[in-house]
């Protein structure tokens, strides 16, 4: 299990991680694993300023998604977390398609004018039973 943490931590911190269709599935599984949350929070809180703010500049886009999904102050069900991970992973893929390596580099044009595919990531490919 410890070996798994060591393999996935660079993924959570690496700004060089590219997300394509092949890596998205394994990334979604890694982002659903909450065992890395405390370690990631410890790393960030080590750079707390005098006002109590954390320095998130060392955290990759993927790491920020992970922190958001597993925020311990929010009581989220696993299905909600999975929906967030799929949607935000699609957002990160669109960021790369827009030619940006980091979401902080997105322009207003990238956010408002381009045709992102974020909502399609949350669609259920298998329809459930019809409600009456």
Protein backbone atom coordinates (compact mmCIF):
# COMPACT_ATOMS: atom_id res chain seq x y z
CA UNK A 1 0.00 0.00 0.00
CA UNK A 2 2.84 2.40 0.83
CA UNK A 3 4.35 1.71 -2.61
CA UNK A 4 1.04 2.74 -4.16
CA UNK A 5 1.16 6.06 -2.30
CA UNK A 6 4.66 6.74 -3.57
CA UNK A 7 3.58 6.06 -7.15
CA UNK A 8 0.47 8.22 -6.99
CA UNK A 9 1.89 11.20 -5.07
CA UNK A 10 3.95 12.47 -8.00
CA UNK A 11 0.76 12.30 -10.06
CA UNK A 12 -0.99 14.53 -7.54
CA UNK A 13 1.83 17.08 -7.44
CA UNK A 14 3.27 16.91 -10.94
CA UNK A 15 2.45 19.85 -13.16
CA UNK A 16 3.78 17.84 -16.10
CA UNK A 17 1.04 15.22 -15.87
CA UNK A 18 -0.88 15.13 -19.14
CA UNK A 19 -4.41 13.80 -19.14
CA UNK A 20 -5.56 11.98 -22.21
CA UNK A 21 -8.31 9.43 -22.72
CA UNK A 22 -5.99 6.56 -21.76
CA UNK A 23 -4.73 8.08 -18.51
CA UNK A 24 -8.11 9.56 -17.51
CA UNK A 25 -9.53 6.24 -16.29
CA UNK A 26 -6.56 5.45 -14.04
CA UNK A 27 -6.49 9.07 -12.89
CA UNK A 28 -10.15 8.90 -11.86
CA UNK A 29 -9.42 5.81 -9.75
CA UNK A 30 -6.41 7.51 -8.14
CA UNK A 31 -8.42 10.67 -7.40
CA UNK A 32 -11.14 8.63 -5.69
CA UNK A 33 -8.65 7.20 -3.17
CA UNK A 34 -8.86 9.38 -0.06
CA UNK A 35 -5.78 7.93 1.66
CA UNK A 36 -3.51 10.69 0.30
CA UNK A 37 -5.53 13.60 1.68
CA UNK A 38 -3.75 14.03 5.01
CA UNK A 39 -0.29 13.82 3.45
CA UNK A 40 -1.20 16.39 0.83
CA UNK A 41 -2.68 18.74 3.46
CA UNK A 42 0.47 18.36 5.58
CA UNK A 43 2.65 19.33 2.63
CA UNK A 44 0.57 22.40 1.91
CA UNK A 45 0.22 23.50 5.53
CA UNK A 46 4.00 23.42 5.89
CA UNK A 47 3.99 26.63 3.83
CA UNK A 48 1.38 28.49 5.88
CA UNK A 49 1.88 32.25 6.07
CA UNK A 50 1.38 34.48 9.12
CA UNK A 51 -2.29 35.03 8.16
CA UNK A 52 -2.99 31.28 8.06
CA UNK A 53 -3.11 31.07 4.26
CA UNK A 54 -1.60 28.09 2.46
CA UNK A 55 0.63 28.29 -0.59
CA UNK A 56 -1.07 26.19 -3.25
CA UNK A 57 1.41 27.14 -5.98
CA UNK A 58 3.29 23.87 -5.45
CA UNK A 59 0.13 21.83 -6.08
CA UNK A 60 -0.75 20.70 -9.59
CA UNK A 61 -4.16 20.99 -11.19
CA UNK A 62 -4.75 17.34 -10.35
CA UNK A 63 -3.74 17.93 -6.75
CA UNK A 64 -6.19 20.82 -6.49
CA UNK A 65 -8.98 18.62 -7.84
CA UNK A 66 -8.03 15.98 -5.28
CA UNK A 67 -8.14 18.48 -2.42
CA UNK A 68 -11.50 19.81 -3.55
CA UNK A 69 -13.08 16.38 -3.91
CA UNK A 70 -11.81 15.10 -0.55
CA UNK A 71 -12.28 18.29 1.49
CA UNK A 72 -12.93 16.91 4.97
CA UNK A 73 -15.16 19.86 5.88
CA UNK A 74 -17.66 18.72 3.24
CA UNK A 75 -19.69 15.58 3.71
CA UNK A 76 -19.77 14.20 0.17
CA UNK A 77 -21.06 10.82 -0.87
CA UNK A 78 -18.86 8.63 -3.06
CA UNK A 79 -21.18 9.15 -6.05
CA UNK A 80 -20.86 12.91 -5.68
CA UNK A 81 -17.08 12.63 -5.49
CA UNK A 82 -17.04 10.44 -8.61
CA UNK A 83 -19.20 12.96 -10.49
CA UNK A 84 -16.89 15.80 -9.46
CA UNK A 85 -13.80 13.83 -10.46
CA UNK A 86 -15.22 13.01 -13.91
CA UNK A 87 -16.32 16.60 -14.55
CA UNK A 88 -13.11 18.18 -13.31
CA UNK A 89 -10.94 15.66 -15.18
CA UNK A 90 -12.78 16.64 -18.38
CA UNK A 91 -12.13 20.29 -17.48
CA UNK A 92 -8.41 19.57 -17.11
CA UNK A 93 -8.38 17.75 -20.47
CA UNK A 94 -9.99 20.79 -22.10
CA UNK A 95 -7.38 23.00 -20.46
CA UNK A 96 -4.66 21.01 -22.22
CA UNK A 97 -6.61 21.14 -25.52
CA UNK A 98 -6.69 24.92 -25.13
CA UNK A 99 -2.89 24.83 -25.08
CA UNK A 100 -2.56 25.59 -21.37
CA UNK A 101 -0.59 23.55 -18.85
CA UNK A 102 -2.22 25.02 -15.78
CA UNK A 103 -5.77 26.17 -15.09
CA UNK A 104 -4.31 29.41 -13.74
CA UNK A 105 -3.18 30.18 -17.32
CA UNK A 106 -6.70 30.09 -18.76
CA UNK A 107 -7.92 33.35 -20.23
CA UNK A 108 -11.41 34.73 -20.28
CA UNK A 109 -11.64 33.61 -23.90
CA UNK A 110 -10.69 30.06 -22.91
CA UNK A 111 -13.40 29.99 -20.26
CA UNK A 112 -16.24 31.81 -22.03
CA UNK A 113 -15.86 31.40 -25.78
CA UNK A 114 -14.32 27.98 -26.33
CA UNK A 115 -16.66 25.01 -26.41
CA UNK A 116 -15.67 22.91 -23.41
CA UNK A 117 -16.82 19.32 -22.99
CA UNK A 118 -17.18 19.39 -19.19
CA UNK A 119 -20.87 18.60 -18.96
CA UNK A 120 -20.61 15.49 -21.12
CA UNK A 121 -18.37 13.88 -18.50
CA UNK A 122 -21.22 13.75 -16.03
CA UNK A 123 -23.76 12.19 -18.34
CA UNK A 124 -24.71 8.68 -17.39
CA UNK A 125 -24.08 6.47 -20.44
CA UNK A 126 -26.59 3.92 -19.21
CA UNK A 127 -30.01 5.39 -18.51
CA UNK A 128 -31.65 4.28 -15.32
CA UNK A 129 -35.26 3.22 -14.92
CA UNK A 130 -37.85 5.77 -15.90
CA UNK A 131 -39.48 7.59 -13.04
CA UNK A 132 -43.25 7.85 -13.03
